[in-house]
Amino acid sequence: MRSAFAGLFQQRVHECARRGLVDFGVTIGKMATIKRTMIEYLYLGRVAYDEGLRLQAEIARLRLQGQVCNVLLLLEHPPVLTLGRNADHSNVLASDELLARRGVTLHEIDRGGDVTYHGPGQLVGYPIFDLRSLRNASGGRLGPVDFVRLMEEALIRLCGVFGVKAGRIAGLTGVWCGGALGQGSGTEPERKICAIGIHVARGITSHGFAFNVTTDLRDFELIIPCGIPDHPVTSLEREMEQPEKLPGLEAVAHQAARQFGLVFGEPVLAVESLAALRAQAEAAAGAGPEFPAEDTPMRVPAEVERITQRPGHAEDRPVRA
């Protein structure tokens, strides 16, 4: 029996396919067997950091309640420094007075990792995903570490779209260029193009990645990025052979969403606005839960049977699903 949510899901897919807003990371046939698993993404432009935190909390709640699919928020922030759970405050090199003069705010947050910078020209991505909806290569549920590795892969591929070779460094999270990963001698240190740090609560991810596109790299002089002093930062603009061909941040965001779909093996849908996403969530809430739920037992537990069964009335046992 198809739920109202399932009908809404399919209606949304067909609508976006007609408008050219859908990019399938899997085939239509495979998608038909998936329940509530797609990536919906929004490009929000420049968003204040506090507002970004509030949006993450709102969408994480909707995802936990099953009112939205996995959501990828793509945006940029005004200048801000963020300190993760394990951050060392000594990695902030600038004084409070200097930060105030530069208009840079400081936030302590619950993601992993040390200190990083967000600012204009940097694509920030917040994947609000339910890890229980995703599977690893062995068919089991995806764990946080595997999730981060897939994020890295999507962003490595994003670099490749623009002709930039990137990869990983063993023991360090993020995406890197140059050094042993590049075409040169490999004697120079690798350069970090993308920082990654996530938070997971009740299976729902938040926070995400900061990918330097046209970021003013001088702002990273305010900190020791990610607490790693011997690796400089870089940007897509600096690494491209023909940076004049680099499109705007919104075009890069759409390409990033496409790479997430390909790597996670999910169809990707562009959502027009937060209002549209909220309307979808409201419609899903009104539809009620699907039945049976994935964690509904297929038979009544023995303890419940013993409580509900009356002696001599075996026919009164609860009907098994």
C-alpha atoms as a PDB file:
ATOM      1  CA  MET A   1       0.000   0.000   0.000  1.00  0.00           C
ATOM      2  CA  ARG A   2       1.521   3.309  -1.030  1.00  0.00           C
ATOM      3  CA  SER A   3       1.541   6.080   1.538  1.00  0.00           C
ATOM      4  CA  ALA A   4       0.701   9.688   0.801  1.00  0.00           C
ATOM      5  CA  PHE A   5       4.392  10.476   1.333  1.00  0.00           C
ATOM      6  CA  ALA A   6       5.363   7.990  -1.363  1.00  0.00           C
ATOM      7  CA  GLY A   7       2.894   9.610  -3.752  1.00  0.00           C
ATOM      8  CA  LEU A   8       4.296  13.053  -2.938  1.00  0.00           C
ATOM      9  CA  PHE A   9       7.834  11.689  -3.426  1.00  0.00           C
ATOM     10  CA  GLN A  10       7.065  10.375  -6.915  1.00  0.00           C
ATOM     11  CA  GLN A  11       5.125  13.494  -7.899  1.00  0.00           C
ATOM     12  CA  ARG A  12       8.126  15.620  -6.884  1.00  0.00           C
ATOM     13  CA  VAL A  13      10.504  13.435  -8.928  1.00  0.00           C
ATOM     14  CA  HIS A  14       8.406  13.691 -12.090  1.00  0.00           C
ATOM     15  CA  GLU A  15       7.912  17.439 -11.645  1.00  0.00           C
ATOM     16  CA  CYS A  16      11.630  18.070 -11.264  1.00  0.00           C
ATOM     17  CA  ALA A  17      12.504  15.724 -14.117  1.00  0.00           C
ATOM     18  CA  ARG A  18      10.244  17.739 -16.427  1.00  0.00           C
ATOM     19  CA  ARG A  19      11.958  20.937 -15.369  1.00  0.00           C
ATOM     20  CA  GLY A  20      15.471  19.533 -15.715  1.00  0.00           C
ATOM     21  CA  LEU A  21      16.188  19.839 -11.982  1.00  0.00           C
ATOM     22  CA  VAL A  22      16.801  16.155 -11.373  1.00  0.00           C
ATOM     23  CA  ASP A  23      20.055  14.326 -11.793  1.00  0.00           C
ATOM     24  CA  PHE A  24      19.953  10.616 -11.153  1.00  0.00           C
ATOM     25  CA  GLY A  25      22.902   9.012  -9.407  1.00  0.00           C
ATOM     26  CA  VAL A  26      21.098   5.698  -9.915  1.00  0.00           C
ATOM     27  CA  THR A  27      18.747   4.432 -12.594  1.00  0.00           C
ATOM     28  CA  ILE A  28      15.015   5.072 -12.526  1.00  0.00           C
ATOM     29  CA  GLY A  29      14.419   1.335 -12.062  1.00  0.00           C
ATOM     30  CA  LYS A  30      16.581   1.203  -8.966  1.00  0.00           C
ATOM     31  CA  MET A  31      15.108   4.380  -7.585  1.00  0.00           C
ATOM     32  CA  ALA A  32      11.634   2.865  -7.679  1.00  0.00           C
ATOM     33  CA  THR A  33      12.725   0.353  -5.017  1.00  0.00           C
ATOM     34  CA  ILE A  34      14.068   2.990  -2.611  1.00  0.00           C
ATOM     35  CA  LYS A  35      11.927   4.460   0.165  1.00  0.00           C
ATOM     36  CA  ARG A  36      12.528   8.119   0.994  1.00  0.00           C
ATOM     37  CA  THR A  37      16.130   8.036  -0.189  1.00  0.00           C
ATOM     38  CA  MET A  38      17.113  10.913  -2.386  1.00  0.00           C
ATOM     39  CA  ILE A  39      19.216  14.003  -1.913  1.00  0.00           C
ATOM     40  CA  GLU A  40      17.358  17.290  -2.088  1.00  0.00           C
ATOM     41  CA  TYR A  41      19.595  20.328  -2.200  1.00  0.00           C
ATOM     42  CA  LEU A  42      19.221  24.075  -1.877  1.00  0.00           C
ATOM     43  CA  TYR A  43      21.619  26.818  -2.838  1.00  0.00           C
ATOM     44  CA  LEU A  44      20.978  29.643  -0.361  1.00  0.00           C
ATOM     45  CA  GLY A  45      23.620  32.220  -1.280  1.00  0.00           C
ATOM     46  CA  ARG A  46      25.207  34.131   1.601  1.00  0.00           C
ATOM     47  CA  VAL A  47      23.804  33.198   5.004  1.00  0.00           C
ATOM     48  CA  ALA A  48      24.823  34.485   8.447  1.00  0.00           C
ATOM     49  CA  TYR A  49      26.529  31.788  10.485  1.00  0.00           C
ATOM     50  CA  ASP A  50      23.967  31.818  13.322  1.00  0.00           C
ATOM     51  CA  GLU A  51      21.187  31.426  10.755  1.00  0.00           C
ATOM     52  CA  GLY A  52      23.056  28.501   9.219  1.00  0.00           C
ATOM     53  CA  LEU A  53      23.167  26.783  12.611  1.00  0.00           C
ATOM     54  CA  ARG A  54      19.449  27.384  13.107  1.00  0.00           C
ATOM     55  CA  LEU A  55      18.610  25.974   9.667  1.00  0.00           C
ATOM     56  CA  GLN A  56      20.663  22.862  10.328  1.00  0.00           C
ATOM     57  CA  ALA A  57      18.817  22.244  13.589  1.00  0.00           C
ATOM     58  CA  GLU A  58      15.428  22.756  11.917  1.00  0.00           C
ATOM     59  CA  ILE A  59      16.130  20.420   9.006  1.00  0.00           C
ATOM     60  CA  ALA A  60      17.780  17.802  11.232  1.00  0.00           C
ATOM     61  CA  ARG A  61      14.550  17.676  13.252  1.00  0.00           C
ATOM     62  CA  LEU A  62      12.472  17.281  10.089  1.00  0.00           C
ATOM     63  CA  ARG A  63      14.799  14.544   8.822  1.00  0.00           C
ATOM     64  CA  LEU A  64      14.616  12.663  12.112  1.00  0.00           C
ATOM     65  CA  GLN A  65      10.821  12.784  11.924  1.00  0.00           C
ATOM     66  CA  GLY A  66      10.898  11.490   8.337  1.00  0.00           C
ATOM     67  CA  GLN A  67       9.295  14.632   6.922  1.00  0.00           C
ATOM     68  CA  VAL A  68      12.073  15.363   4.432  1.00  0.00           C
ATOM     69  CA  CYS A  69      14.587  13.295   2.520  1.00  0.00           C
ATOM     70  CA  ASN A  70      18.324  13.718   2.934  1.00  0.00           C
ATOM     71  CA  VAL A  71      19.025  17.430   2.439  1.00  0.00           C
ATOM     72  CA  LEU A  72      22.221  19.144   1.278  1.00  0.00           C
ATOM     73  CA  LEU A  73      22.390  22.851   2.129  1.00  0.00           C
ATOM     74  CA  LEU A  74      24.869  24.781  -0.036  1.00  0.00           C
ATOM     75  CA  LEU A  75      25.800  28.374   0.799  1.00  0.00           C
ATOM     76  CA  GLU A  76      28.548  30.777   1.786  1.00  0.00           C
ATOM     77  CA  HIS A  77      29.087  32.669   5.031  1.00  0.00           C
ATOM     78  CA  PRO A  78      30.348  36.123   5.930  1.00  0.00           C
ATOM     79  CA  PRO A  79      33.830  35.990   7.544  1.00  0.00           C
ATOM     80  CA  VAL A  80      33.739  33.691  10.574  1.00  0.00           C
ATOM     81  CA  LEU A  81      36.041  31.396  12.547  1.00  0.00           C
ATOM     82  CA  THR A  82      34.636  28.160  13.958  1.00  0.00           C
ATOM     83  CA  LEU A  83      36.172  26.024  16.682  1.00  0.00           C
ATOM     84  CA  GLY A  84      35.291  22.322  16.768  1.00  0.00           C
ATOM     85  CA  ARG A  85      34.895  20.184  19.876  1.00  0.00           C
ATOM     86  CA  ASN A  86      38.601  19.351  20.037  1.00  0.00           C
ATOM     87  CA  ALA A  87      39.936  22.739  18.984  1.00  0.00           C
ATOM     88  CA  ASP A  88      43.019  24.284  20.539  1.00  0.00           C
ATOM     89  CA  HIS A  89      42.368  27.995  21.087  1.00  0.00           C
ATOM     90  CA  SER A  90      46.062  28.720  20.536  1.00  0.00           C
ATOM     91  CA  ASN A  91      45.465  27.944  16.843  1.00  0.00           C
ATOM     92  CA  VAL A  92      43.601  31.253  16.622  1.00  0.00           C
ATOM     93  CA  LEU A  93      46.517  33.592  15.914  1.00  0.00           C
ATOM     94  CA  ALA A  94      44.590  36.869  15.709  1.00  0.00           C
ATOM     95  CA  SER A  95      43.659  38.887  18.758  1.00  0.00           C
ATOM     96  CA  ASP A  96      40.038  39.636  19.588  1.00  0.00           C
ATOM     97  CA  GLU A  97      40.697  43.253  18.624  1.00  0.00           C
ATOM     98  CA  LEU A  98      42.027  42.284  15.194  1.00  0.00           C
ATOM     99  CA  LEU A  99      39.099  39.969  14.553  1.00  0.00           C
ATOM    100  CA  ALA A 100      36.696  42.772  15.494  1.00  0.00           C
ATOM    101  CA  ARG A 101      38.420  45.223  13.160  1.00  0.00           C
ATOM    102  CA  ARG A 102      38.225  42.683  10.323  1.00  0.00           C
ATOM    103  CA  GLY A 103      34.554  41.933  11.044  1.00  0.00           C
ATOM    104  CA  VAL A 104      35.298  38.267  11.780  1.00  0.00           C
ATOM    105  CA  THR A 105      33.120  36.532  14.380  1.00  0.00           C
ATOM    106  CA  LEU A 106      34.120  33.477  16.425  1.00  0.00           C
ATOM    107  CA  HIS A 107      31.886  30.474  17.174  1.00  0.00           C
ATOM    108  CA  GLU A 108      32.471  27.352  19.255  1.00  0.00           C
ATOM    109  CA  ILE A 109      30.435  24.493  17.782  1.00  0.00           C
ATOM    110  CA  ASP A 110      29.858  20.746  18.180  1.00  0.00           C
ATOM    111  CA  ARG A 111      31.470  19.403  15.000  1.00  0.00           C
ATOM    112  CA  GLY A 112      34.698  17.438  14.991  1.00  0.00           C
ATOM    113  CA  GLY A 113      38.021  19.030  14.111  1.00  0.00           C
ATOM    114  CA  ASP A 114      39.931  22.141  15.115  1.00  0.00           C
ATOM    115  CA  VAL A 115      39.644  25.745  13.909  1.00  0.00           C
ATOM    116  CA  THR A 116      38.653  26.729  10.384  1.00  0.00           C
ATOM    117  CA  TYR A 117      37.657  29.831   8.471  1.00  0.00           C
ATOM    118  CA  HIS A 118      34.509  30.517   6.462  1.00  0.00           C
ATOM    119  CA  GLY A 119      34.086  33.515   4.225  1.00  0.00           C
ATOM    120  CA  PRO A 120      33.054  34.881   0.834  1.00  0.00           C
ATOM    121  CA  GLY A 121      34.040  32.757  -2.143  1.00  0.00           C
ATOM    122  CA  GLN A 122      33.961  29.540  -0.121  1.00  0.00           C
ATOM    123  CA  LEU A 123      31.306  26.909  -0.814  1.00  0.00           C
ATOM    124  CA  VAL A 124      29.985  25.545   2.467  1.00  0.00           C
ATOM    125  CA  GLY A 125      27.957  22.343   2.422  1.00  0.00           C
ATOM    126  CA  TYR A 126      25.801  21.034   5.253  1.00  0.00           C
ATOM    127  CA  PRO A 127      24.539  17.507   4.500  1.00  0.00           C
ATOM    128  CA  ILE A 128      21.599  16.747   6.794  1.00  0.00           C
ATOM    129  CA  PHE A 129      21.507  13.008   6.107  1.00  0.00           C
ATOM    130  CA  ASP A 130      20.070  10.051   8.011  1.00  0.00           C
ATOM    131  CA  LEU A 131      22.926   7.552   8.108  1.00  0.00           C
ATOM    132  CA  ARG A 132      20.358   4.762   8.569  1.00  0.00           C
ATOM    133  CA  SER A 133      19.084   5.456   5.053  1.00  0.00           C
ATOM    134  CA  LEU A 134      22.508   4.844   3.527  1.00  0.00           C
ATOM    135  CA  ARG A 135      24.423   1.619   2.931  1.00  0.00           C
ATOM    136  CA  ASN A 136      28.120   0.857   2.733  1.00  0.00           C
ATOM    137  CA  ALA A 137      29.783  -1.351   0.124  1.00  0.00           C
ATOM    138  CA  SER A 138      28.981  -4.468   2.192  1.00  0.00           C
ATOM    139  CA  GLY A 139      25.291  -3.601   2.437  1.00  0.00           C
ATOM    140  CA  GLY A 140      25.440  -2.546   6.089  1.00  0.00           C
ATOM    141  CA  ARG A 141      24.489   0.843   7.460  1.00  0.00           C
ATOM    142  CA  LEU A 142      26.928   3.631   6.732  1.00  0.00           C
ATOM    143  CA  GLY A 143      28.993   4.801   9.700  1.00  0.00           C
ATOM    144  CA  PRO A 144      30.305   8.342  10.307  1.00  0.00           C
ATOM    145  CA  VAL A 145      33.836   7.584   9.097  1.00  0.00           C
ATOM    146  CA  ASP A 146      32.582   5.994   5.881  1.00  0.00           C
ATOM    147  CA  PHE A 147      30.278   8.980   5.428  1.00  0.00           C
ATOM    148  CA  VAL A 148      33.224  11.384   5.645  1.00  0.00           C
ATOM    149  CA  ARG A 149      35.208   9.270   3.153  1.00  0.00           C
ATOM    150  CA  LEU A 150      32.305   9.509   0.677  1.00  0.00           C
ATOM    151  CA  MET A 151      32.111  13.273   1.192  1.00  0.00           C
ATOM    152  CA  GLU A 152      35.818  13.480   0.414  1.00  0.00           C
ATOM    153  CA  GLU A 153      35.312  11.429  -2.738  1.00  0.00           C
ATOM    154  CA  ALA A 154      32.521  13.711  -3.958  1.00  0.00           C
ATOM    155  CA  LEU A 155      34.709  16.781  -3.442  1.00  0.00           C
ATOM    156  CA  ILE A 156      37.750  15.164  -5.049  1.00  0.00           C
ATOM    157  CA  ARG A 157      35.553  14.546  -8.087  1.00  0.00           C
ATOM    158  CA  LEU A 158      34.347  18.143  -7.928  1.00  0.00           C
ATOM    159  CA  CYS A 159      37.969  19.266  -8.255  1.00  0.00           C
ATOM    160  CA  GLY A 160      38.351  16.944 -11.236  1.00  0.00           C
ATOM    161  CA  VAL A 161      35.416  18.566 -13.001  1.00  0.00           C
ATOM    162  CA  PHE A 162      37.509  21.750 -13.151  1.00  0.00           C
ATOM    163  CA  GLY A 163      40.707  19.992 -14.164  1.00  0.00           C
ATOM    164  CA  VAL A 164      42.298  20.026 -10.709  1.00  0.00           C
ATOM    165  CA  LYS A 165      43.910  16.859  -9.379  1.00  0.00           C
ATOM    166  CA  ALA A 166      43.089  16.256  -5.707  1.00  0.00           C
ATOM    167  CA  GLY A 167      43.136  13.425  -3.228  1.00  0.00           C
ATOM    168  CA  ARG A 168      43.472  12.333   0.399  1.00  0.00           C
ATOM    169  CA  ILE A 169      46.360  12.238   2.853  1.00  0.00           C
ATOM    170  CA  ALA A 170      46.505   9.239   5.185  1.00  0.00           C
ATOM    171  CA  GLY A 171      45.591  10.231   8.726  1.00  0.00           C
ATOM    172  CA  LEU A 172      44.255  13.687   7.772  1.00  0.00           C
ATOM    173  CA  THR A 173      40.632  14.471   6.957  1.00  0.00           C
ATOM    174  CA  GLY A 174      39.795  16.697   3.999  1.00  0.00           C
ATOM    175  CA  VAL A 175      40.725  17.158   0.348  1.00  0.00           C
ATOM    176  CA  TRP A 176      44.234  18.087  -0.754  1.00  0.00           C
ATOM    177  CA  CYS A 177      46.120  19.244  -3.846  1.00  0.00           C
ATOM    178  CA  GLY A 178      49.778  19.333  -4.860  1.00  0.00           C
ATOM    179  CA  GLY A 179      52.702  17.651  -3.152  1.00  0.00           C
ATOM    180  CA  ALA A 180      52.794  13.915  -3.762  1.00  0.00           C
ATOM    181  CA  LEU A 181      49.250  14.193  -5.171  1.00  0.00           C
ATOM    182  CA  GLY A 182      50.240  16.602  -7.955  1.00  0.00           C
ATOM    183  CA  GLN A 183      52.206  16.422 -11.164  1.00  0.00           C
ATOM    184  CA  GLY A 184      55.420  18.005  -9.843  1.00  0.00           C
ATOM    185  CA  SER A 185      58.347  16.657  -7.887  1.00  0.00           C
ATOM    186  CA  GLY A 186      56.244  16.141  -4.765  1.00  0.00           C
ATOM    187  CA  THR A 187      58.775  17.932  -2.552  1.00  0.00           C
ATOM    188  CA  GLU A 188      56.392  20.750  -1.570  1.00  0.00           C
ATOM    189  CA  PRO A 189      53.708  20.050   1.066  1.00  0.00           C
ATOM    190  CA  GLU A 190      50.175  19.247   0.017  1.00  0.00           C
ATOM    191  CA  ARG A 191      47.717  22.135   0.070  1.00  0.00           C
ATOM    192  CA  LYS A 192      44.280  21.854   1.656  1.00  0.00           C
ATOM    193  CA  ILE A 193      41.420  22.882  -0.610  1.00  0.00           C
ATOM    194  CA  CYS A 194      38.550  21.552   1.503  1.00  0.00           C
ATOM    195  CA  ALA A 195      38.048  21.119   5.255  1.00  0.00           C
ATOM    196  CA  ILE A 196      35.532  18.604   6.591  1.00  0.00           C
ATOM    197  CA  GLY A 197      34.000  18.204  10.046  1.00  0.00           C
ATOM    198  CA  ILE A 198      30.646  16.658  10.933  1.00  0.00           C
ATOM    199  CA  HIS A 199      28.408  16.059  13.922  1.00  0.00           C
ATOM    200  CA  VAL A 200      26.083  13.050  14.255  1.00  0.00           C
ATOM    201  CA  ALA A 201      23.124  12.950  16.648  1.00  0.00           C
ATOM    202  CA  ARG A 202      20.509  10.160  16.626  1.00  0.00           C
ATOM    203  CA  GLY A 203      21.834   9.045  13.242  1.00  0.00           C
ATOM    204  CA  ILE A 204      21.411  12.484  11.615  1.00  0.00           C
ATOM    205  CA  THR A 205      24.464  14.331  10.321  1.00  0.00           C
ATOM    206  CA  SER A 206      25.072  18.069  10.437  1.00  0.00           C
ATOM    207  CA  HIS A 207      27.902  20.511   9.727  1.00  0.00           C
ATOM    208  CA  GLY A 208      29.933  19.334   6.738  1.00  0.00           C
ATOM    209  CA  PHE A 209      32.525  20.833   4.399  1.00  0.00           C
ATOM    210  CA  ALA A 210      34.174  24.142   3.483  1.00  0.00           C
ATOM    211  CA  PHE A 211      35.467  24.134  -0.104  1.00  0.00           C
ATOM    212  CA  ASN A 212      37.618  27.072  -1.199  1.00  0.00           C
ATOM    213  CA  VAL A 213      36.548  28.324  -4.624  1.00  0.00           C
ATOM    214  CA  THR A 214      37.598  31.988  -4.858  1.00  0.00           C
ATOM    215  CA  THR A 215      38.287  32.479  -1.145  1.00  0.00           C
ATOM    216  CA  ASP A 216      40.729  35.227  -0.149  1.00  0.00           C
ATOM    217  CA  LEU A 217      43.409  32.934   1.275  1.00  0.00           C
ATOM    218  CA  ARG A 218      44.990  35.771   3.246  1.00  0.00           C
ATOM    219  CA  ASP A 219      42.162  35.378   5.765  1.00  0.00           C
ATOM    220  CA  PHE A 220      43.582  31.987   6.749  1.00  0.00           C
ATOM    221  CA  GLU A 221      46.546  33.867   8.234  1.00  0.00           C
ATOM    222  CA  LEU A 222      44.267  34.574  11.192  1.00  0.00           C
ATOM    223  CA  ILE A 223      44.543  30.901  12.249  1.00  0.00           C
ATOM    224  CA  ILE A 224      46.507  27.696  11.954  1.00  0.00           C
ATOM    225  CA  PRO A 225      43.937  26.015   9.681  1.00  0.00           C
ATOM    226  CA  CYS A 226      42.619  22.811  11.236  1.00  0.00           C
ATOM    227  CA  GLY A 227      45.559  22.971  13.640  1.00  0.00           C
ATOM    228  CA  ILE A 228      47.962  21.735  10.937  1.00  0.00           C
ATOM    229  CA  PRO A 229      50.879  24.189  10.701  1.00  0.00           C
ATOM    230  CA  ASP A 230      52.907  22.514   7.940  1.00  0.00           C
ATOM    231  CA  HIS A 231      50.224  22.367   5.222  1.00  0.00           C
ATOM    232  CA  PRO A 232      49.033  25.578   3.521  1.00  0.00           C
ATOM    233  CA  VAL A 233      45.551  26.133   2.146  1.00  0.00           C
ATOM    234  CA  THR A 234      44.595  26.660  -1.468  1.00  0.00           C
ATOM    235  CA  SER A 235      41.544  27.330  -3.625  1.00  0.00           C
ATOM    236  CA  LEU A 236      40.029  26.098  -6.855  1.00  0.00           C
ATOM    237  CA  GLU A 237      40.863  29.455  -8.426  1.00  0.00           C
ATOM    238  CA  ARG A 238      44.540  29.130  -7.494  1.00  0.00           C
ATOM    239  CA  GLU A 239      44.840  25.508  -8.641  1.00  0.00           C
ATOM    240  CA  MET A 240      43.140  25.856 -12.046  1.00  0.00           C
ATOM    241  CA  GLU A 241      45.349  26.351 -15.079  1.00  0.00           C
ATOM    242  CA  GLN A 242      42.778  28.771 -16.512  1.00  0.00           C
ATOM    243  CA  PRO A 243      41.066  30.367 -13.500  1.00  0.00           C
ATOM    244  CA  GLU A 244      39.238  32.808 -15.776  1.00  0.00           C
ATOM    245  CA  LYS A 245      37.053  29.863 -16.814  1.00  0.00           C
ATOM    246  CA  LEU A 246      35.905  29.228 -13.249  1.00  0.00           C
ATOM    247  CA  PRO A 247      32.118  29.790 -13.026  1.00  0.00           C
ATOM    248  CA  GLY A 248      30.347  31.510 -10.154  1.00  0.00           C
ATOM    249  CA  LEU A 249      29.808  29.936  -6.760  1.00  0.00           C
ATOM    250  CA  GLU A 250      26.232  28.896  -7.522  1.00  0.00           C
ATOM    251  CA  ALA A 251      27.319  26.931 -10.609  1.00  0.00           C
ATOM    252  CA  VAL A 252      30.002  25.199  -8.535  1.00  0.00           C
ATOM    253  CA  ALA A 253      27.325  24.391  -5.933  1.00  0.00           C
ATOM    254  CA  HIS A 254      25.115  22.682  -8.516  1.00  0.00           C
ATOM    255  CA  GLN A 255      28.080  20.621  -9.664  1.00  0.00           C
ATOM    256  CA  ALA A 256      28.877  19.688  -6.054  1.00  0.00           C
ATOM    257  CA  ALA A 257      25.316  18.414  -5.581  1.00  0.00           C
ATOM    258  CA  ARG A 258      25.667  16.328  -8.730  1.00  0.00           C
ATOM    259  CA  GLN A 259      28.864  14.734  -7.415  1.00  0.00           C
ATOM    260  CA  PHE A 260      27.181  13.921  -4.096  1.00  0.00           C
ATOM    261  CA  GLY A 261      24.435  12.119  -5.992  1.00  0.00           C
ATOM    262  CA  LEU A 262      26.910  10.104  -8.042  1.00  0.00           C
ATOM    263  CA  VAL A 263      29.053   9.107  -5.067  1.00  0.00           C
ATOM    264  CA  PHE A 264      26.186   8.300  -2.690  1.00  0.00           C
ATOM    265  CA  GLY A 265      24.225   6.569  -5.463  1.00  0.00           C
ATOM    266  CA  GLU A 266      21.114   8.684  -4.939  1.00  0.00           C
ATOM    267  CA  PRO A 267      18.918  10.784  -7.224  1.00  0.00           C
ATOM    268  CA  VAL A 268      19.476  14.496  -6.658  1.00  0.00           C
ATOM    269  CA  LEU A 269      16.708  17.099  -6.756  1.00  0.00           C
ATOM    270  CA  ALA A 270      17.075  20.862  -6.616  1.00  0.00           C
ATOM    271  CA  VAL A 271      14.590  22.499  -4.228  1.00  0.00           C
ATOM    272  CA  GLU A 272      13.525  26.004  -5.203  1.00  0.00           C
ATOM    273  CA  SER A 273      13.484  27.511  -1.708  1.00  0.00           C
ATOM    274  CA  LEU A 274      13.285  26.847   2.002  1.00  0.00           C
ATOM    275  CA  ALA A 275       9.581  27.621   1.781  1.00  0.00           C
ATOM    276  CA  ALA A 276       9.163  24.774  -0.724  1.00  0.00           C
ATOM    277  CA  LEU A 277      11.060  22.370   1.526  1.00  0.00           C
ATOM    278  CA  ARG A 278       8.962  23.370   4.533  1.00  0.00           C
ATOM    279  CA  ALA A 279       5.756  22.918   2.542  1.00  0.00           C
ATOM    280  CA  GLN A 280       6.891  19.439   1.566  1.00  0.00           C
ATOM    281  CA  ALA A 281       7.630  18.642   5.219  1.00  0.00           C
ATOM    282  CA  GLU A 282       4.196  19.907   6.265  1.00  0.00           C
ATOM    283  CA  ALA A 283       2.506  17.739   3.646  1.00  0.00           C
ATOM    284  CA  ALA A 284       4.501  14.705   4.779  1.00  0.00           C
ATOM    285  CA  ALA A 285       3.565  15.352   8.418  1.00  0.00           C
ATOM    286  CA  GLY A 286      -0.106  15.428   7.463  1.00  0.00           C
ATOM    287  CA  ALA A 287       0.217  12.143   5.580  1.00  0.00           C
ATOM    288  CA  GLY A 288       1.206  10.236   8.716  1.00  0.00           C
ATOM    289  CA  PRO A 289       3.784   7.445   8.967  1.00  0.00           C
ATOM    290  CA  GLU A 290       4.117   4.630   6.480  1.00  0.00           C
ATOM    291  CA  PHE A 291       2.846   1.214   7.619  1.00  0.00           C
ATOM    292  CA  PRO A 292       4.436  -1.068   8.415  1.00  0.00           C
ATOM    293  CA  ALA A 293       7.436   0.933   9.554  1.00  0.00           C
ATOM    294  CA  GLU A 294      10.857  -0.525   8.824  1.00  0.00           C
ATOM    295  CA  ASP A 295      11.359  -1.389  12.504  1.00  0.00           C
ATOM    296  CA  THR A 296       7.850  -2.817  13.075  1.00  0.00           C
ATOM    297  CA  PRO A 297       8.185  -6.460  14.238  1.00  0.00           C
ATOM    298  CA  MET A 298       6.552  -8.946  11.868  1.00  0.00           C
ATOM    299  CA  ARG A 299       5.151 -10.895  14.816  1.00  0.00           C
ATOM    300  CA  VAL A 300       3.883  -9.906  18.227  1.00  0.00           C
ATOM    301  CA  PRO A 301       6.640 -10.266  20.863  1.00  0.00           C
ATOM    302  CA  ALA A 302       6.115 -13.236  23.205  1.00  0.00           C
ATOM    303  CA  GLU A 303       5.983 -10.953  26.249  1.00  0.00           C
ATOM    304  CA  VAL A 304       3.048  -9.064  24.753  1.00  0.00           C
ATOM    305  CA  GLU A 305       1.308 -12.323  23.808  1.00  0.00           C
ATOM    306  CA  ARG A 306       1.535 -13.554  27.399  1.00  0.00           C
ATOM    307  CA  ILE A 307       0.003 -10.317  28.705  1.00  0.00           C
ATOM    308  CA  THR A 308      -2.816 -10.120  26.181  1.00  0.00           C
ATOM    309  CA  GLN A 309      -3.739 -13.829  25.964  1.00  0.00           C
ATOM    310  CA  ARG A 310      -6.569 -14.878  28.286  1.00  0.00           C
ATOM    311  CA  PRO A 311      -6.480 -18.479  29.603  1.00  0.00           C
ATOM    312  CA  GLY A 312      -8.699 -20.775  27.561  1.00  0.00           C
ATOM    313  CA  HIS A 313      -9.173 -18.226  24.814  1.00  0.00           C
ATOM    314  CA  ALA A 314      -6.348 -18.943  22.369  1.00  0.00           C
ATOM    315  CA  GLU A 315      -8.495 -17.489  19.618  1.00  0.00           C
ATOM    316  CA  ASP A 316      -8.211 -14.100  21.313  1.00  0.00           C
ATOM    317  CA  ARG A 317      -4.478 -13.837  20.662  1.00  0.00           C
ATOM    318  CA  PRO A 318      -3.462 -10.676  18.789  1.00  0.00           C
ATOM    319  CA  VAL A 319      -3.398 -11.127  15.048  1.00  0.00           C
ATOM    320  CA  ARG A 320       0.189 -11.322  13.744  1.00  0.00           C
ATOM    321  CA  ALA A 321       1.122  -8.931  10.982  1.00  0.00           C
END
